[in-house]
Amino acid sequence: MLFLVISTPQPARPDEVKGARTKFRRWVERLKTSNHVLSFYPRVGRGAVVIFDVASNNELHTLLTEWSNIIPVHQDVYPLASPDNAR
């Protein structure tokens, strides 16, 4: 199951969240290695856009909770159709 997630972090000074951003990037890289993250793009300013490939809604919920525990964010979640299914 594919999901596009767009995050908007809570307001904070950049120097206050530097460590959390580094931890988040390491977390995303681990998920890319395991193919749970297909794409990751930082947004200009703050936030990120991530495409997750997960087996279930429960798995997505777990990952979004992990994300919010690293950096508190508002997440807009959009389910996607795979390119093969769309054809």
Protein backbone atom coordinates (compact mmCIF):
# COMPACT_ATOMS: atom_id res chain seq x y z
CA MET A 1 0.00 0.00 0.00
CA LEU A 2 1.38 3.35 -1.03
CA PHE A 3 0.89 6.55 0.97
CA LEU A 4 2.09 10.09 0.35
CA VAL A 5 2.70 11.94 3.62
CA ILE A 6 3.36 15.67 3.78
CA SER A 7 4.54 16.99 7.12
CA THR A 8 4.48 20.42 8.66
CA PRO A 9 6.47 20.57 11.91
CA GLN A 10 5.47 22.53 14.96
CA PRO A 11 7.13 25.95 15.15
CA ALA A 12 10.54 25.85 16.83
CA ARG A 13 13.87 27.58 16.47
CA PRO A 14 16.12 25.72 14.00
CA ASP A 15 18.87 25.26 16.60
CA GLU A 16 16.34 23.63 18.96
CA VAL A 17 15.48 20.84 16.49
CA LYS A 18 18.86 20.23 14.84
CA GLY A 19 19.39 16.94 16.72
CA ALA A 20 15.85 15.77 15.99
CA ARG A 21 16.27 16.50 12.26
CA THR A 22 19.47 14.44 12.21
CA LYS A 23 17.72 11.57 14.01
CA PHE A 24 14.79 11.82 11.57
CA ARG A 25 17.11 11.62 8.55
CA ARG A 26 18.78 8.48 9.96
CA TRP A 27 15.33 6.96 10.59
CA VAL A 28 14.24 7.68 6.99
CA GLU A 29 17.48 6.19 5.61
CA ARG A 30 16.85 2.95 7.55
CA LEU A 31 13.31 2.80 6.13
CA LYS A 32 14.64 3.41 2.61
CA THR A 33 17.04 0.49 3.05
CA SER A 34 14.14 -1.77 4.07
CA ASN A 35 11.99 -0.45 1.17
CA HIS A 36 9.35 1.01 3.48
CA VAL A 37 10.20 4.47 2.14
CA LEU A 38 10.28 4.82 -1.63
CA SER A 39 10.98 8.56 -1.76
CA PHE A 40 11.92 11.30 0.66
CA TYR A 41 12.11 15.01 -0.09
CA PRO A 42 12.72 17.79 2.41
CA ARG A 43 10.42 20.76 1.88
CA VAL A 44 11.85 24.22 1.39
CA GLY A 45 11.84 25.82 4.81
CA ARG A 46 10.57 23.01 7.01
CA GLY A 47 8.85 19.69 6.72
CA ALA A 48 9.15 16.71 4.43
CA VAL A 49 7.36 14.70 1.78
CA VAL A 50 7.62 10.91 2.07
CA ILE A 51 6.16 8.06 0.02
CA PHE A 52 5.69 4.98 2.19
CA ASP A 53 5.17 1.43 0.91
CA VAL A 54 3.64 -0.57 3.74
CA ALA A 55 1.67 -3.79 4.12
CA SER A 56 -1.17 -2.37 6.22
CA ASN A 57 -2.74 0.69 7.80
CA ASN A 58 -1.41 -0.53 11.15
CA GLU A 59 2.14 -0.50 9.81
CA LEU A 60 1.65 3.04 8.48
CA HIS A 61 0.21 4.13 11.84
CA THR A 62 3.27 2.73 13.62
CA LEU A 63 5.66 4.57 11.30
CA LEU A 64 3.75 7.87 11.57
CA THR A 65 3.82 7.56 15.36
CA GLU A 66 7.58 6.93 15.28
CA TRP A 67 7.97 10.00 13.06
CA SER A 68 5.94 12.19 15.44
CA ASN A 69 7.97 10.93 18.40
CA ILE A 70 11.15 12.12 16.66
CA ILE A 71 9.77 15.46 15.44
CA PRO A 72 6.24 16.58 16.41
CA VAL A 73 4.47 17.32 13.11
CA HIS A 74 1.11 17.69 11.46
CA GLN A 75 0.82 14.98 8.78
CA ASP A 76 -1.39 15.06 5.70
CA VAL A 77 -1.78 11.46 4.48
CA TYR A 78 -2.87 10.57 0.94
CA PRO A 79 -3.40 6.95 -0.16
CA LEU A 80 -1.98 6.32 -3.62
CA ALA A 81 -2.65 3.79 -6.37
CA SER A 82 0.42 1.96 -7.61
CA PRO A 83 1.41 2.80 -11.19
CA ASP A 84 0.66 -0.80 -12.25
CA ASN A 85 -2.84 -0.68 -10.74
CA ALA A 86 -3.51 2.70 -12.32
CA ARG A 87 -2.83 1.33 -15.79
